[in-house]
Amino acid sequence: MHKPLLPSLVWAVGSLLSLNTVTIVAQNTTAATNDTITASPANSTADCQCGFLDPTTNSVYTDSIIVYFNETNTSVPTNIFSIDSFQHPYERGFEITYREGASAENVFFTQGSAEISPSWLTLNITAASPQHLVSGAQIQTVRQDIQYGTFRVFMRGPAPYAGGSALSMKLEYNDTSSAELDLLNMDDSHDDARMAAAVGGSEPLSANNVSYWALQEEPYNVAFWNFTEYRMDWNEQLLLWYANGVQAHNSTTSNASLVDVPASFYLKHWSNGDPNWMQGPPTNDTSAAIGWVRMFFNSSITESSQSGSLNCDAAQLCSTEDTTLRVSTSYTKDSTTRPTISNGTTYKWTMAGVILMAASFSFSTALVMHAIISKSLDAKRTNNPRRPKLTTSPFVSPEKSHVSRGWSKGADYEMDMIRHRQISSASLLDVNPASSPEARNQHKRVSAAKYPLLDTSSRPVSTVTTNTSGYLRPESTSTLELSPNPYYASSPRNSSVYEIPGFDKQDPFLAQYYSANDPRRSPDGYGSRRDLIESIPEQGHEASPADPMKQPIEIQAVRDIELEGSAAAANPGAKPAVLPSALPQGRTRVDYLAGLVAVCSLLVSCTHFILTFVPSVIEEYLDSHYQSESWARKTIEPFFFNDIWVGLFFTTSTRFLSSGFLRTGNLNIIAEKVVCRCPRLMIPITAVILFEYFLMDLGATTYLEYIPSITWTDWVSTTVYPNFGWFLDETLQLFYIIPNVVPQLTWNYCTGVLWTIPVQLQNSWVVLLGAVVIREIKTPWKRMAYYAFCVVNHWYGQSWGSYFWMGLLLADLDITYKYRKWLHARWYVHYPMLVLAILLVLLSLGVDLISIWTGWNFASEENGVHPDMANTALPIGGSDYPTYVTPKLNGLVFAVASQYIVELSTWVQTALSTPIFLWLFPHVFTIYLIHGLIFWSIGSLVCVYFAGIGLAYWLNILLTALISYATLFAVLPIVTPVMEMLGKEITRGIWIGASEDPADWKPSSFPLSVEEIRCLVHRADDD
C-alpha cells in the first residue's frame, strides 16, 4: 500500500526560509526533530493545503475533519458523516443478553444552551424492546482511510440515573482492531459513573477507568455532567486518552492492533446491558450530546493535500489549536472504501501435505469402518446363535514337543492339563444318538508312552474316556495318583457351581479345571479372574436338544459378584464381552435399572440444553421469547427438567457398589472396589477433560460467547485454562475435594456436570464401609435403626450421603430380606405402598410447581432448618434458596420413591426395558460427560449461524436441537469404546497388580533349558 511521506528536501528548504525547524508526523514516523515553531494564522494558509501542526506534540498531519454541529443545525453533513441504521443479530459476551442497534431517528438536533448555541447534535437511546434490542444512535466518517492523528470531541455523556449506556468516540478497523473512549453513566451514577478507555473490542479494564469524582478534581477539573473536550491521540507507538487536555491513560498501539491499519471514526450512544461495561440497558429514552468534532490525521492512501509539494513550507502549516478553523479536507472515492490488510503470511498448498492429509484421513476412515462392520457382523452372529464351540487345547501336541528339563511347578501343572485334555474335538461333540455304539463308547486313552516329554514313573496316569453322554470321565479314579500340587491341592470344591449330568465332581483334577473356584484363576475363590474383572455375558447361546450343555448350570456365586474392574460395576450395565469358552448363562443385568439410568441421563442432557438455548423454561426470572415458554415452566418443567433427577444416579450406583458384598459377605469384593473405584472413574474422566481442553484451545467454543445475546441465558460460561498447570491442578482437585464444594474445573469445562464426581467418589467409601457395618448387624430392627440414624444425620448436615444410605437400604431390603417377593405376595400391602410412592414422587416434583404458582418455596424453608456449617453451626433460619450442589429433602424423597416404583412395578419395568433404553445404557457415562461439549460447540455454532441469517427463534432452536442430538448419538459408538478401554483395561491391571503376587522369575528359555535351546540352533561349524 502506498504511504506518502513528506520529502526531507522540501522540509529542509521550508525550514531555511522560515528560519525554524518543525517536527513532522507521517504515516509511520512520529517525529523528525525536536524543535518546534509557531504555526501561521488560519486565514493565511489557503485552506491548510500544506497540513496541520499540533504544537503540544510537534506532530504534523495532512488531513482534517472539522464540524461544528451548532453551526450546522439543519442536518449532519453527509459528505463527512453517515448516519447508521442496523440491528446486531447477536453480541459477544457471556453476560450480554441484549443486542445493540442504531436508528437514524435517534440522531437529531436539540435547542442549545449557554454552553453551546444555538443547538447541538443529540444521540438518543430508546428503551430496550421485548426482543432485547436496544436501539441507539451512531454516526461514522465517510472516510475509511484514517491512519494516525489527534481526535477531539466536545461532548456531554448520558444523563445520570437514566439506565446504563455509553457515549463513545471510537477508532475501528474491525472488531479486534479498535480503540475508544467511553463516557459511562452506569446504573448507580453517583458512585460508579466513569470515563473508560478500551482497546481491541474488549471491555475496559478497571485500571483504564477514571471515575467522574476523580475527573472533577485536579488536574482534570471536569464538570462531568456538562460539555467537556475529550481527546484521543494515535501514533505508531502509542494511544493516549485525554480529558479536558490532561492525559488520563495510554496504551501501546499494538495492544489495539492498530499498527499501520486504517480506520473509521465513530460517535455513538449505545448499550447492550453488559454488566462489566456500561450496565443497563436504559428502561426509558435517554440521550447524549455532541457539540463539535475536530480531527487531524493522515491518510493511508494518496492524499489530496499539497503537503508534499514544493509550494509548501513549514510556515504554512495550520495549528490544530486554532479554533477558527472550519476545514474538512477533500478526498477521493478510494478513501471511502475500507482496504483489506494482509497479515503478511502466505499459505502454500504443497502436494506432499495434501497427500499426507488424504492418506491419514483415509486410514482413519478405514479403521472406523472396519470397527463398525465387525461390530455389525458380531451382532448378527449373536442374533443367530449356533452350537457353542468348545475351546481346544492351547498347548502344542506331544508329537511336536521337545524334551525339556526346565521343570517347575508351573510346568507340572501345564503338563497335567495336557494329559487330561488331549481328547479330540470330534469325541467331545459326537453325541448324536445315531452314532454307532462303538463310536460312542470308544475310549480315548492317554498314556505316558505317547508323551516322551513326561516322566511318569512316579505318577500313574489316569485313563480318560468319554461316556455315552459325551462328557469326560476318568476310567478309573483309583489309578489317578497325582503328586501334591499347590495350584489345586487347597482349592475348595463347591458343588453349586456346576450341576452337569455325567460330570465327575470328585475327580481331583477335572473338578479343579472346570470349577469356577479354581485358585489359579481366582485368588479369592469366587470365579475366575476374568469373571471378576469383566462382567458376565448378557446372554448365552441357546443349547440345541443334542447339546450336552443344555443341562442347567448354577452360577449364582459368580453372577452376584460385580467387582469394581467390571463394566457392570464402574459403568453399570455396560455390555460385557462374551467369553469364547463361557458356559451358557442368562441375563445378569437388571434391565429396568439400566433403563432408569438411561432416562436420567437423557433428562439431564435435555435440562442442560434448555438452560443453554431456552432458559426461561427453567429460570423464571429470565425474559421469554414466546408465551409458550412461560406455560412450559408452569406445567411440564418441574416434572421433566428438574435438577433432582440427578439424585437417581446416586441411589442406583449404590446398588451396583454393594450388591456383591451383601450377597456373599466376601471382603475381597470390598477390597477390589476400594482399590479400583477411583481409577475406574477418574481415568476416563481425565481423558475427556484433556480432550475438551484441546478442543477449546483450538476454538471449539468460540461461538458460545454469542449465545447469551440470542437465547438470553445467564448459565453458559467457560474459559480455556491459562496454562497446563491449571489443568493438572483442577483435575487432581476432583480426587480430593470434599462435597458440597463446587470444583473450580466447572469454569473450564462444558457444563458443570463434574460437580457430581466428587460426590460419587467420596460417598463410595461411605457405602462400602456402611455395607460392612450393616452386614454385621443381624437384628432387623437394629439394622433399620442404624439406617435411620445415618440418613437423618446426613440430611441434617446437608450431605449427599443420605442418598447413598437410602440406596444401600433399598439394596439391603431386596438382597437380604427379599422385600419385593414379600410385597408381591401381599397385594393389600403392595398396592397401597405403590400408590404412596407415586404420590411422593408427584409431590416431590410438584414442590417447584407450587413455588411457581404461589411464590412459596419449600426448598428455602427447608434450607433454614439446617445448621450454618461455615460459622455458628446453629440453624440458618430465613435462608435463601439453596445452591444447586446442596441436597434437598424433596430430591431425596423423589429418588427413593422413584427407585421403589421401578423395582416394584412391572409396567414401569417393561417400559424401561425397551430396546432404545438398553441400547443407550452402555453410553450413559459418555452422554453425561460430553453432551455439554456437543451443545456448546456444534450447538452454539449452528445457533449463531441460524440467528445470523434471520431464522425465527423457534425454528433456530428446533434445528439446533436436532443437529446437536444427532451429533451426540453419532459420536457415541466412537467415544464409548475408547472410554471403556481406558477405564476398564487400566483398572484391571491395577487390581491384578494389587491382588496377586508377581509370578516367579523364569528364564527367557522357559520351559526349555539353555542347553536345549543351544541344541536346537543349527550351526554350520557343528557339522
Foldseek 3Di string as FASTA:
>chain_A
DDWDDADPVLAVVQCVVVVFHAFEAGQADQTDDDTHDDADDPVPQVLQLQFAAARVRRYTFRFKAKDFCQVVQPDDPPQFKDKDFDWDLFDFFLQFQATETEDPVQWHWDQDDPVADRIFIKKKWFAQDLLRYIYTIKMWTLFQFFGFWKKKFWKAFWDAQQWFKWWKKKWDLDQQQIKIWIFACANHNVPATWIAIDARNDAGDPLRIDHPVNCCDPPNVDPRRHTWMWMWGDHQFKIFTDTNRHTRDMDGSVNRVRHLFTTMIMTIMIDRQRNRHRHGDGRGMIIMTTRIMIIGGYGSDDFPRCNNPSVDYRNSHHYSPNPVRNHGGDDDPVRSDHDDDDPPDDDDDDPVVVVVVVVVVVVVVVVVVVVVVVVVVVVVCVVVDDAAQADADPDDDLVPDDAFPLDDLVNVLVVVCNQQRPDDSCLLLPQDPPDDPCSLFPFDFGACVSHPNDDCPPFFGWGWGAHNLSDIDTPDLVNGDDDDHVQQNPFDQDPQQFDAPPDDCPRSPVVLVPGQQRCVQPVLRQGGLCLAQEPAAQFFGAHDPSRSLNDDGGNVSSLQHHAQLYCCQQQNQAHTDYDSNDRTDHGSHLLLLLLLLLLLLVLQLVLVLCLQAVNCLDDVVFNGPDPVSVVSNLPVCLQRNNLLSVLLVQLSSLLSQQRSCLQPVRCVRLVRCVQFNVLLPQQLLLVLLVVLLVCVVVPLLVLSSRRCNNNVHSQDAADHDPDVVVSVVQSVCLQDPDPPDQGPCCRHAQHRLSSCSSLNNVLSVVSSVVSNVLSVPDDVVVSVVVLVVVLVVCVLQQHSNNSSSLSSVVSNCCNPVVVLVVLVVPVVNNVVLLVVLVVLLCVLSCQVSCCSVPVDHPQQVSQQQHAPVVPDRHRNHNGDRDDSSGDGPSSSSNSNSVVVNSVRPPVSSVVSNDPVSSVCSLLSVVSSRCLSSLCSRVLSVQLVVCSVVPDDSVVSSVVSVVVSVVVSVVCSVVSSVVSSCRSSVVSSVSSCVVPDDDDDDDDPPPPHDPVVVVVVDDDPVVD
